[in-house]
Amino acid sequence: PLTFEFQHPSWDDDWVHQRLGAAGAALCVTDLPTLDEPPLIRLTGPF
């Protein structure tokens, strides 16, 4: 099982999310102190 945590905003894209989903890889959702709101949760993998 594989999970990606992308830190550069350019990775936050529907194509990337679809590609992860097709491969069964999860997208890490990271809540950072610099965010004003909790991040959006996108389920791309089985967990």
All heavy atoms as atom14 arrays in JSON, in Angstrom:
{
  "sequence": "PLTFEFQHPSWDDDWVHQRLGAAGAALCVTDLPTLDEPPLIRLTGPF",
  "atom14_mask": [
    [1, 1, 1, 1, 1, 1, 1, 0, 0, 0, 0, 0, 0, 0],
    [1, 1, 1, 1, 1, 1, 1, 1, 0, 0, 0, 0, 0, 0],
    [1, 1, 1, 1, 1, 1, 1, 0, 0, 0, 0, 0, 0, 0],
    [1, 1, 1, 1, 1, 1, 1, 1, 1, 1, 1, 0, 0, 0],
    [1, 1, 1, 1, 1, 1, 1, 1, 1, 0, 0, 0, 0, 0],
    [1, 1, 1, 1, 1, 1, 1, 1, 1, 1, 1, 0, 0, 0],
    [1, 1, 1, 1, 1, 1, 1, 1, 1, 0, 0, 0, 0, 0],
    [1, 1, 1, 1, 1, 1, 1, 1, 1, 1, 0, 0, 0, 0],
    [1, 1, 1, 1, 1, 1, 1, 0, 0, 0, 0, 0, 0, 0],
    [1, 1, 1, 1, 1, 1, 0, 0, 0, 0, 0, 0, 0, 0],
    [1, 1, 1, 1, 1, 1, 1, 1, 1, 1, 1, 1, 1, 1],
    [1, 1, 1, 1, 1, 1, 1, 1, 0, 0, 0, 0, 0, 0],
    [1, 1, 1, 1, 1, 1, 1, 1, 0, 0, 0, 0, 0, 0],
    [1, 1, 1, 1, 1, 1, 1, 1, 0, 0, 0, 0, 0, 0],
    [1, 1, 1, 1, 1, 1, 1, 1, 1, 1, 1, 1, 1, 1],
    [1, 1, 1, 1, 1, 1, 1, 0, 0, 0, 0, 0, 0, 0],
    [1, 1, 1, 1, 1, 1, 1, 1, 1, 1, 0, 0, 0, 0],
    [1, 1, 1, 1, 1, 1, 1, 1, 1, 0, 0, 0, 0, 0],
    [1, 1, 1, 1, 1, 1, 1, 1, 1, 1, 1, 0, 0, 0],
    [1, 1, 1, 1, 1, 1, 1, 1, 0, 0, 0, 0, 0, 0],
    [1, 1, 1, 1, 0, 0, 0, 0, 0, 0, 0, 0, 0, 0],
    [1, 1, 1, 1, 1, 0, 0, 0, 0, 0, 0, 0, 0, 0],
    [1, 1, 1, 1, 1, 0, 0, 0, 0, 0, 0, 0, 0, 0],
    [1, 1, 1, 1, 0, 0, 0, 0, 0, 0, 0, 0, 0, 0],
    [1, 1, 1, 1, 1, 0, 0, 0, 0, 0, 0, 0, 0, 0],
    [1, 1, 1, 1, 1, 0, 0, 0, 0, 0, 0, 0, 0, 0],
    [1, 1, 1, 1, 1, 1, 1, 1, 0, 0, 0, 0, 0, 0],
    [1, 1, 1, 1, 1, 1, 0, 0, 0, 0, 0, 0, 0, 0],
    [1, 1, 1, 1, 1, 1, 1, 0, 0, 0, 0, 0, 0, 0],
    [1, 1, 1, 1, 1, 1, 1, 0, 0, 0, 0, 0, 0, 0],
    [1, 1, 1, 1, 1, 1, 1, 1, 0, 0, 0, 0, 0, 0],
    [1, 1, 1, 1, 1, 1, 1, 1, 0, 0, 0, 0, 0, 0],
    [1, 1, 1, 1, 1, 1, 1, 0, 0, 0, 0, 0, 0, 0],
    [1, 1, 1, 1, 1, 1, 1, 0, 0, 0, 0, 0, 0, 0],
    [1, 1, 1, 1, 1, 1, 1, 1, 0, 0, 0, 0, 0, 0],
    [1, 1, 1, 1, 1, 1, 1, 1, 0, 0, 0, 0, 0, 0],
    [1, 1, 1, 1, 1, 1, 1, 1, 1, 0, 0, 0, 0, 0],
    [1, 1, 1, 1, 1, 1, 1, 0, 0, 0, 0, 0, 0, 0],
    [1, 1, 1, 1, 1, 1, 1, 0, 0, 0, 0, 0, 0, 0],
    [1, 1, 1, 1, 1, 1, 1, 1, 0, 0, 0, 0, 0, 0],
    [1, 1, 1, 1, 1, 1, 1, 1, 0, 0, 0, 0, 0, 0],
    [1, 1, 1, 1, 1, 1, 1, 1, 1, 1, 1, 0, 0, 0],
    [1, 1, 1, 1, 1, 1, 1, 1, 0, 0, 0, 0, 0, 0],
    [1, 1, 1, 1, 1, 1, 1, 0, 0, 0, 0, 0, 0, 0],
    [1, 1, 1, 1, 0, 0, 0, 0, 0, 0, 0, 0, 0, 0],
    [1, 1, 1, 1, 1, 1, 1, 0, 0, 0, 0, 0, 0, 0],
    [1, 1, 1, 1, 1, 1, 1, 1, 1, 1, 1, 0, 0, 0]
  ],
  "atom14_positions": [
    [[0.82, -1.21, 0.0], [0.0, 0.0, 0.0], [0.86, 1.27, 0.0], [1.9, 1.34, 0.66], [-0.81, -0.11, 1.3], [-0.76, -1.55, 1.66], [0.55, -2.07, 1.16], [0.0, 0.0, 0.0], [0.0, 0.0, 0.0], [0.0, 0.0, 0.0], [0.0, 0.0, 0.0], [0.0, 0.0, 0.0], [0.0, 0.0, 0.0], [0.0, 0.0, 0.0]],
    [[0.4, 2.27, -0.75], [1.17, 3.48, -0.96], [0.32, 4.72, -0.7], [-0.83, 4.79, -1.1], [1.68, 3.5, -2.41], [2.51, 4.7, -2.85], [3.79, 4.83, -2.02], [2.86, 4.55, -4.33], [0.0, 0.0, 0.0], [0.0, 0.0, 0.0], [0.0, 0.0, 0.0], [0.0, 0.0, 0.0], [0.0, 0.0, 0.0], [0.0, 0.0, 0.0]],
    [[0.93, 5.69, -0.01], [0.29, 6.98, 0.26], [1.25, 8.09, -0.17], [2.44, 8.02, 0.11], [-0.02, 7.13, 1.76], [-0.89, 6.09, 2.16], [-0.66, 8.48, 2.06], [0.0, 0.0, 0.0], [0.0, 0.0, 0.0], [0.0, 0.0, 0.0], [0.0, 0.0, 0.0], [0.0, 0.0, 0.0], [0.0, 0.0, 0.0], [0.0, 0.0, 0.0]],
    [[0.71, 9.1, -0.84], [1.48, 10.27, -1.24], [1.09, 11.48, -0.41], [-0.1, 11.76, -0.25], [1.23, 10.62, -2.71], [1.98, 9.78, -3.68], [1.42, 8.61, -4.17], [3.23, 10.16, -4.14], [2.1, 7.82, -5.08], [3.92, 9.38, -5.05], [3.36, 8.21, -5.52], [0.0, 0.0, 0.0], [0.0, 0.0, 0.0], [0.0, 0.0, 0.0]],
    [[2.1, 12.21, 0.06], [1.87, 13.52, 0.66], [2.58, 14.53, -0.21], [3.81, 14.6, -0.24], [2.4, 13.6, 2.09], [2.12, 14.96, 2.71], [2.66, 15.1, 4.12], [3.62, 14.4, 4.47], [2.12, 15.93, 4.86], [0.0, 0.0, 0.0], [0.0, 0.0, 0.0], [0.0, 0.0, 0.0], [0.0, 0.0, 0.0], [0.0, 0.0, 0.0]],
    [[1.79, 15.3, -0.95], [2.33, 16.34, -1.82], [2.34, 17.66, -1.07], [1.34, 18.06, -0.49], [1.47, 16.49, -3.09], [1.41, 15.25, -3.92], [0.22, 14.54, -4.04], [2.52, 14.8, -4.6], [0.15, 13.4, -4.82], [2.46, 13.66, -5.39], [1.27, 12.96, -5.49], [0.0, 0.0, 0.0], [0.0, 0.0, 0.0], [0.0, 0.0, 0.0]],
    [[3.48, 18.35, -1.1], [3.58, 19.59, -0.36], [3.47, 20.82, -1.25], [3.08, 21.88, -0.78], [4.87, 19.6, 0.46], [4.84, 18.49, 1.49], [6.11, 18.4, 2.31], [6.98, 19.26, 2.25], [6.23, 17.36, 3.09], [0.0, 0.0, 0.0], [0.0, 0.0, 0.0], [0.0, 0.0, 0.0], [0.0, 0.0, 0.0], [0.0, 0.0, 0.0]],
    [[3.8, 20.7, -2.53], [3.66, 21.84, -3.44], [2.23, 21.9, -3.95], [1.65, 20.88, -4.33], [4.64, 21.72, -4.61], [4.74, 22.98, -5.4], [3.85, 23.31, -6.38], [5.63, 24.01, -5.33], [4.17, 24.47, -6.9], [5.25, 24.92, -6.27], [0.0, 0.0, 0.0], [0.0, 0.0, 0.0], [0.0, 0.0, 0.0], [0.0, 0.0, 0.0]],
    [[1.61, 23.09, -3.95], [0.2, 23.19, -4.36], [-0.09, 22.75, -5.79], [-1.24, 22.45, -6.12], [-0.13, 24.67, -4.16], [1.14, 25.37, -3.86], [2.18, 24.35, -3.53], [0.0, 0.0, 0.0], [0.0, 0.0, 0.0], [0.0, 0.0, 0.0], [0.0, 0.0, 0.0], [0.0, 0.0, 0.0], [0.0, 0.0, 0.0], [0.0, 0.0, 0.0]],
    [[0.91, 22.69, -6.65], [0.66, 22.29, -8.04], [0.14, 20.85, -8.15], [-0.48, 20.49, -9.16], [1.93, 22.45, -8.88], [2.96, 21.6, -8.41], [0.0, 0.0, 0.0], [0.0, 0.0, 0.0], [0.0, 0.0, 0.0], [0.0, 0.0, 0.0], [0.0, 0.0, 0.0], [0.0, 0.0, 0.0], [0.0, 0.0, 0.0], [0.0, 0.0, 0.0]],
    [[0.36, 20.04, -7.13], [-0.1, 18.65, -7.14], [-1.59, 18.53, -6.82], [-2.19, 17.48, -7.04], [0.69, 17.82, -6.15], [2.12, 17.62, -6.52], [3.2, 18.34, -6.07], [2.65, 16.64, -7.41], [4.35, 17.86, -6.63], [4.05, 16.81, -7.45], [2.07, 15.62, -8.17], [4.87, 16.01, -8.23], [2.9, 14.82, -8.95], [4.28, 15.01, -8.97]],
    [[-2.18, 19.58, -6.27], [-3.59, 19.55, -5.89], [-4.44, 19.75, -7.15], [-4.85, 20.85, -7.49], [-3.89, 20.63, -4.86], [-5.29, 20.52, -4.3], [-5.94, 19.47, -4.51], [-5.75, 21.48, -3.66], [0.0, 0.0, 0.0], [0.0, 0.0, 0.0], [0.0, 0.0, 0.0], [0.0, 0.0, 0.0], [0.0, 0.0, 0.0], [0.0, 0.0, 0.0]],
    [[-4.69, 18.63, -7.84], [-5.33, 18.67, -9.15], [-6.16, 17.41, -9.35], [-5.74, 16.32, -8.91], [-4.24, 18.78, -10.22], [-4.8, 18.83, -11.61], [-5.15, 19.93, -12.06], [-4.91, 17.76, -12.25], [0.0, 0.0, 0.0], [0.0, 0.0, 0.0], [0.0, 0.0, 0.0], [0.0, 0.0, 0.0], [0.0, 0.0, 0.0], [0.0, 0.0, 0.0]],
    [[-7.29, 17.54, -10.02], [-8.17, 16.38, -10.24], [-7.46, 15.25, -10.98], [-7.67, 14.08, -10.67], [-9.42, 16.8, -11.01], [-10.38, 17.61, -10.16], [-10.27, 17.56, -8.91], [-11.25, 18.29, -10.73], [0.0, 0.0, 0.0], [0.0, 0.0, 0.0], [0.0, 0.0, 0.0], [0.0, 0.0, 0.0], [0.0, 0.0, 0.0], [0.0, 0.0, 0.0]],
    [[-6.61, 15.59, -11.98], [-5.92, 14.53, -12.72], [-5.02, 13.73, -11.79], [-5.0, 12.49, -11.86], [-5.08, 15.11, -13.87], [-4.43, 14.02, -14.67], [-4.95, 13.39, -15.77], [-3.16, 13.4, -14.42], [-4.07, 12.42, -16.21], [-2.96, 12.41, -15.4], [-2.17, 13.59, -13.47], [-1.83, 11.61, -15.45], [-1.04, 12.78, -13.51], [-0.86, 11.82, -14.49]],
    [[-4.3, 14.41, -10.92], [-3.41, 13.72, -9.96], [-4.24, 12.82, -9.07], [-3.91, 11.65, -8.85], [-2.6, 14.74, -9.14], [-1.82, 14.04, -8.02], [-1.65, 15.52, -10.03], [0.0, 0.0, 0.0], [0.0, 0.0, 0.0], [0.0, 0.0, 0.0], [0.0, 0.0, 0.0], [0.0, 0.0, 0.0], [0.0, 0.0, 0.0], [0.0, 0.0, 0.0]],
    [[-5.35, 13.33, -8.55], [-6.21, 12.54, -7.67], [-6.77, 11.33, -8.4], [-6.81, 10.21, -7.84], [-7.33, 13.4, -7.1], [-6.83, 14.59, -6.36], [-7.53, 15.78, -6.31], [-5.71, 14.8, -5.65], [-6.85, 16.66, -5.61], [-5.74, 16.09, -5.2], [0.0, 0.0, 0.0], [0.0, 0.0, 0.0], [0.0, 0.0, 0.0], [0.0, 0.0, 0.0]],
    [[-7.2, 11.5, -9.65], [-7.72, 10.38, -10.43], [-6.63, 9.35, -10.7], [-6.88, 8.15, -10.65], [-8.33, 10.88, -11.75], [-9.59, 11.67, -11.56], [-10.03, 12.39, -12.82], [-9.36, 12.37, -13.85], [-11.16, 13.08, -12.73], [0.0, 0.0, 0.0], [0.0, 0.0, 0.0], [0.0, 0.0, 0.0], [0.0, 0.0, 0.0], [0.0, 0.0, 0.0]],
    [[-5.42, 9.82, -10.98], [-4.3, 8.9, -11.25], [-3.97, 8.08, -10.0], [-3.73, 6.89, -10.07], [-3.1, 9.71, -11.71], [-1.93, 8.88, -12.16], [-2.27, 8.09, -13.43], [-1.2, 7.17, -13.72], [-1.21, 5.86, -13.41], [-2.27, 5.33, -12.84], [-0.19, 5.09, -13.7], [0.0, 0.0, 0.0], [0.0, 0.0, 0.0], [0.0, 0.0, 0.0]],
    [[-3.97, 8.74, -8.83], [-3.74, 8.0, -7.58], [-4.82, 6.96, -7.39], [-4.54, 5.81, -7.03], [-3.7, 8.96, -6.39], [-2.54, 9.95, -6.3], [-2.71, 10.84, -5.07], [-1.2, 9.25, -6.3], [0.0, 0.0, 0.0], [0.0, 0.0, 0.0], [0.0, 0.0, 0.0], [0.0, 0.0, 0.0], [0.0, 0.0, 0.0], [0.0, 0.0, 0.0]],
    [[-6.07, 7.37, -7.59], [-7.19, 6.45, -7.42], [-7.09, 5.25, -8.35], [-7.33, 4.11, -7.93], [0.0, 0.0, 0.0], [0.0, 0.0, 0.0], [0.0, 0.0, 0.0], [0.0, 0.0, 0.0], [0.0, 0.0, 0.0], [0.0, 0.0, 0.0], [0.0, 0.0, 0.0], [0.0, 0.0, 0.0], [0.0, 0.0, 0.0], [0.0, 0.0, 0.0]],
    [[-6.73, 5.48, -9.6], [-6.6, 4.39, -10.56], [-5.51, 3.4, -10.15], [-5.61, 2.21, -10.42], [-6.32, 4.96, -11.95], [0.0, 0.0, 0.0], [0.0, 0.0, 0.0], [0.0, 0.0, 0.0], [0.0, 0.0, 0.0], [0.0, 0.0, 0.0], [0.0, 0.0, 0.0], [0.0, 0.0, 0.0], [0.0, 0.0, 0.0], [0.0, 0.0, 0.0]],
    [[-4.5, 3.92, -9.47], [-3.39, 3.06, -9.02], [-3.64, 2.48, -7.63], [-2.84, 1.68, -7.15], [-2.09, 3.86, -9.02], [0.0, 0.0, 0.0], [0.0, 0.0, 0.0], [0.0, 0.0, 0.0], [0.0, 0.0, 0.0], [0.0, 0.0, 0.0], [0.0, 0.0, 0.0], [0.0, 0.0, 0.0], [0.0, 0.0, 0.0], [0.0, 0.0, 0.0]],
    [[-4.73, 2.89, -6.98], [-5.0, 2.4, -5.63], [-4.14, 3.05, -4.57], [-3.99, 2.52, -3.46], [0.0, 0.0, 0.0], [0.0, 0.0, 0.0], [0.0, 0.0, 0.0], [0.0, 0.0, 0.0], [0.0, 0.0, 0.0], [0.0, 0.0, 0.0], [0.0, 0.0, 0.0], [0.0, 0.0, 0.0], [0.0, 0.0, 0.0], [0.0, 0.0, 0.0]],
    [[-3.57, 4.2, -4.87], [-2.71, 4.92, -3.91], [-3.55, 5.96, -3.17], [-4.42, 6.59, -3.75], [-1.55, 5.59, -4.64], [0.0, 0.0, 0.0], [0.0, 0.0, 0.0], [0.0, 0.0, 0.0], [0.0, 0.0, 0.0], [0.0, 0.0, 0.0], [0.0, 0.0, 0.0], [0.0, 0.0, 0.0], [0.0, 0.0, 0.0], [0.0, 0.0, 0.0]],
    [[-3.24, 6.15, -1.91], [-3.96, 7.12, -1.08], [-3.29, 8.48, -1.15], [-2.08, 8.59, -1.32], [-4.01, 6.64, 0.36], [0.0, 0.0, 0.0], [0.0, 0.0, 0.0], [0.0, 0.0, 0.0], [0.0, 0.0, 0.0], [0.0, 0.0, 0.0], [0.0, 0.0, 0.0], [0.0, 0.0, 0.0], [0.0, 0.0, 0.0], [0.0, 0.0, 0.0]],
    [[-4.11, 9.5, -0.99], [-3.63, 10.87, -0.88], [-3.62, 11.23, 0.6], [-4.64, 11.12, 1.29], [-4.56, 11.81, -1.64], [-4.26, 13.3, -1.52], [-2.92, 13.63, -2.2], [-5.37, 14.11, -2.15], [0.0, 0.0, 0.0], [0.0, 0.0, 0.0], [0.0, 0.0, 0.0], [0.0, 0.0, 0.0], [0.0, 0.0, 0.0], [0.0, 0.0, 0.0]],
    [[-2.48, 11.66, 1.1], [-2.37, 12.1, 2.49], [-3.03, 13.46, 2.64], [-2.76, 14.39, 1.87], [-0.9, 12.18, 2.89], [-0.63, 12.81, 4.55], [0.0, 0.0, 0.0], [0.0, 0.0, 0.0], [0.0, 0.0, 0.0], [0.0, 0.0, 0.0], [0.0, 0.0, 0.0], [0.0, 0.0, 0.0], [0.0, 0.0, 0.0], [0.0, 0.0, 0.0]],
    [[-3.89, 13.58, 3.63], [-4.53, 14.85, 3.98], [-3.76, 15.4, 5.17], [-3.71, 14.75, 6.22], [-6.02, 14.64, 4.31], [-6.66, 15.94, 4.75], [-6.75, 14.01, 3.13], [0.0, 0.0, 0.0], [0.0, 0.0, 0.0], [0.0, 0.0, 0.0], [0.0, 0.0, 0.0], [0.0, 0.0, 0.0], [0.0, 0.0, 0.0], [0.0, 0.0, 0.0]],
    [[-3.18, 16.59, 5.0], [-2.33, 17.16, 6.04], [-2.93, 18.45, 6.56], [-3.18, 19.38, 5.8], [-0.91, 17.43, 5.49], [-0.4, 16.22, 4.91], [0.02, 17.88, 6.6], [0.0, 0.0, 0.0], [0.0, 0.0, 0.0], [0.0, 0.0, 0.0], [0.0, 0.0, 0.0], [0.0, 0.0, 0.0], [0.0, 0.0, 0.0], [0.0, 0.0, 0.0]],
    [[-3.16, 18.5, 7.86], [-3.66, 19.7, 8.53], [-2.46, 20.44, 9.11], [-1.81, 19.95, 10.04], [-4.65, 19.32, 9.63], [-5.28, 20.53, 10.3], [-5.48, 21.56, 9.61], [-5.59, 20.45, 11.49], [0.0, 0.0, 0.0], [0.0, 0.0, 0.0], [0.0, 0.0, 0.0], [0.0, 0.0, 0.0], [0.0, 0.0, 0.0], [0.0, 0.0, 0.0]],
    [[-2.18, 21.61, 8.56], [-1.02, 22.39, 8.97], [-1.43, 23.62, 9.77], [-2.51, 24.17, 9.54], [-0.24, 22.85, 7.73], [0.36, 21.73, 6.88], [0.86, 22.28, 5.56], [1.5, 21.06, 7.64], [0.0, 0.0, 0.0], [0.0, 0.0, 0.0], [0.0, 0.0, 0.0], [0.0, 0.0, 0.0], [0.0, 0.0, 0.0], [0.0, 0.0, 0.0]],
    [[-0.57, 24.09, 10.66], [-0.9, 25.29, 11.43], [-1.06, 26.53, 10.56], [-1.68, 27.5, 10.97], [0.29, 25.45, 12.39], [1.18, 24.31, 12.2], [0.69, 23.49, 11.05], [0.0, 0.0, 0.0], [0.0, 0.0, 0.0], [0.0, 0.0, 0.0], [0.0, 0.0, 0.0], [0.0, 0.0, 0.0], [0.0, 0.0, 0.0], [0.0, 0.0, 0.0]],
    [[-0.52, 26.51, 9.36], [-0.61, 27.67, 8.47], [-1.96, 27.75, 7.76], [-2.25, 28.77, 7.13], [0.5, 27.61, 7.42], [0.42, 26.36, 6.71], [1.87, 27.75, 8.06], [0.0, 0.0, 0.0], [0.0, 0.0, 0.0], [0.0, 0.0, 0.0], [0.0, 0.0, 0.0], [0.0, 0.0, 0.0], [0.0, 0.0, 0.0], [0.0, 0.0, 0.0]],
    [[-2.79, 26.71, 7.86], [-4.09, 26.7, 7.19], [-5.14, 27.4, 8.05], [-5.19, 27.19, 9.27], [-4.54, 25.27, 6.91], [-3.66, 24.44, 5.98], [-4.18, 23.01, 5.9], [-3.59, 25.07, 4.6], [0.0, 0.0, 0.0], [0.0, 0.0, 0.0], [0.0, 0.0, 0.0], [0.0, 0.0, 0.0], [0.0, 0.0, 0.0], [0.0, 0.0, 0.0]],
    [[-5.98, 28.2, 7.42], [-7.07, 28.85, 8.14], [-8.21, 27.88, 8.43], [-8.92, 28.03, 9.42], [-7.61, 30.04, 7.34], [-6.6, 31.18, 7.24], [-5.76, 31.31, 8.15], [-6.65, 31.91, 6.24], [0.0, 0.0, 0.0], [0.0, 0.0, 0.0], [0.0, 0.0, 0.0], [0.0, 0.0, 0.0], [0.0, 0.0, 0.0], [0.0, 0.0, 0.0]],
    [[-8.39, 26.9, 7.56], [-9.47, 25.92, 7.69], [-8.87, 24.53, 7.55], [-7.85, 24.35, 6.89], [-10.51, 26.13, 6.59], [-11.02, 27.54, 6.5], [-12.5, 27.6, 6.75], [-13.16, 26.56, 6.66], [-12.98, 28.71, 7.05], [0.0, 0.0, 0.0], [0.0, 0.0, 0.0], [0.0, 0.0, 0.0], [0.0, 0.0, 0.0], [0.0, 0.0, 0.0]],
    [[-9.52, 23.53, 8.13], [-9.04, 22.16, 7.91], [-9.07, 21.82, 6.42], [-9.93, 22.3, 5.68], [-10.03, 21.3, 8.68], [-10.65, 22.21, 9.68], [-10.66, 23.57, 9.03], [0.0, 0.0, 0.0], [0.0, 0.0, 0.0], [0.0, 0.0, 0.0], [0.0, 0.0, 0.0], [0.0, 0.0, 0.0], [0.0, 0.0, 0.0], [0.0, 0.0, 0.0]],
    [[-8.13, 21.0, 5.96], [-8.05, 20.68, 4.54], [-9.23, 19.81, 4.08], [-9.84, 19.09, 4.87], [-6.73, 19.93, 4.42], [-6.51, 19.34, 5.77], [-7.11, 20.32, 6.74], [0.0, 0.0, 0.0], [0.0, 0.0, 0.0], [0.0, 0.0, 0.0], [0.0, 0.0, 0.0], [0.0, 0.0, 0.0], [0.0, 0.0, 0.0], [0.0, 0.0, 0.0]],
    [[-9.49, 19.89, 2.79], [-10.5, 19.05, 2.16], [-10.02, 17.6, 2.19], [-8.84, 17.34, 1.93], [-10.73, 19.52, 0.72], [-11.75, 18.77, -0.1], [-13.15, 18.93, 0.51], [-11.74, 19.29, -1.53], [0.0, 0.0, 0.0], [0.0, 0.0, 0.0], [0.0, 0.0, 0.0], [0.0, 0.0, 0.0], [0.0, 0.0, 0.0], [0.0, 0.0, 0.0]],
    [[-10.9, 16.68, 2.49], [-10.55, 15.27, 2.49], [-10.94, 14.67, 1.14], [-12.1, 14.75, 0.74], [-11.25, 14.51, 3.63], [-10.76, 15.02, 4.97], [-11.0, 13.01, 3.5], [-11.45, 14.4, 6.17], [0.0, 0.0, 0.0], [0.0, 0.0, 0.0], [0.0, 0.0, 0.0], [0.0, 0.0, 0.0], [0.0, 0.0, 0.0], [0.0, 0.0, 0.0]],
    [[-9.96, 14.1, 0.46], [-10.2, 13.41, -0.8], [-9.75, 11.96, -0.64], [-8.57, 11.71, -0.39], [-9.42, 14.06, -1.93], [-9.91, 15.43, -2.29], [-9.14, 15.95, -3.51], [-9.56, 17.27, -3.86], [-9.0, 18.38, -3.4], [-7.99, 18.31, -2.56], [-9.44, 19.56, -3.78], [0.0, 0.0, 0.0], [0.0, 0.0, 0.0], [0.0, 0.0, 0.0]],
    [[-10.66, 11.05, -0.79], [-10.34, 9.63, -0.69], [-9.97, 9.13, -2.08], [-10.81, 9.12, -2.98], [-11.53, 8.85, -0.13], [-11.3, 7.37, 0.12], [-10.32, 7.17, 1.27], [-12.61, 6.68, 0.43], [0.0, 0.0, 0.0], [0.0, 0.0, 0.0], [0.0, 0.0, 0.0], [0.0, 0.0, 0.0], [0.0, 0.0, 0.0], [0.0, 0.0, 0.0]],
    [[-8.71, 8.76, -2.27], [-8.28, 8.24, -3.57], [-7.96, 6.76, -3.5], [-7.99, 6.08, -4.52], [-7.03, 8.98, -4.09], [-5.96, 8.77, -3.18], [-7.3, 10.47, -4.25], [0.0, 0.0, 0.0], [0.0, 0.0, 0.0], [0.0, 0.0, 0.0], [0.0, 0.0, 0.0], [0.0, 0.0, 0.0], [0.0, 0.0, 0.0], [0.0, 0.0, 0.0]],
    [[-7.65, 6.26, -2.33], [-7.27, 4.86, -2.17], [-8.27, 4.13, -1.32], [-9.34, 4.65, -0.98], [0.0, 0.0, 0.0], [0.0, 0.0, 0.0], [0.0, 0.0, 0.0], [0.0, 0.0, 0.0], [0.0, 0.0, 0.0], [0.0, 0.0, 0.0], [0.0, 0.0, 0.0], [0.0, 0.0, 0.0], [0.0, 0.0, 0.0], [0.0, 0.0, 0.0]],
    [[-7.94, 2.92, -0.91], [-8.86, 2.11, -0.12], [-8.92, 2.5, 1.36], [-9.67, 1.92, 2.13], [-8.32, 0.69, -0.28], [-6.86, 0.89, -0.54], [-6.74, 2.18, -1.3], [0.0, 0.0, 0.0], [0.0, 0.0, 0.0], [0.0, 0.0, 0.0], [0.0, 0.0, 0.0], [0.0, 0.0, 0.0], [0.0, 0.0, 0.0], [0.0, 0.0, 0.0]],
    [[-8.13, 3.48, 1.76], [-8.09, 3.92, 3.16], [-7.86, 5.42, 3.19], [-7.45, 6.03, 2.21], [-7.01, 3.19, 3.95], [-5.65, 3.27, 3.31], [-4.82, 4.35, 3.53], [-5.22, 2.27, 2.45], [-3.58, 4.44, 2.92], [-3.98, 2.34, 1.84], [-3.16, 3.42, 2.07], [0.0, 0.0, 0.0], [0.0, 0.0, 0.0], [0.0, 0.0, 0.0]]
  ]
}
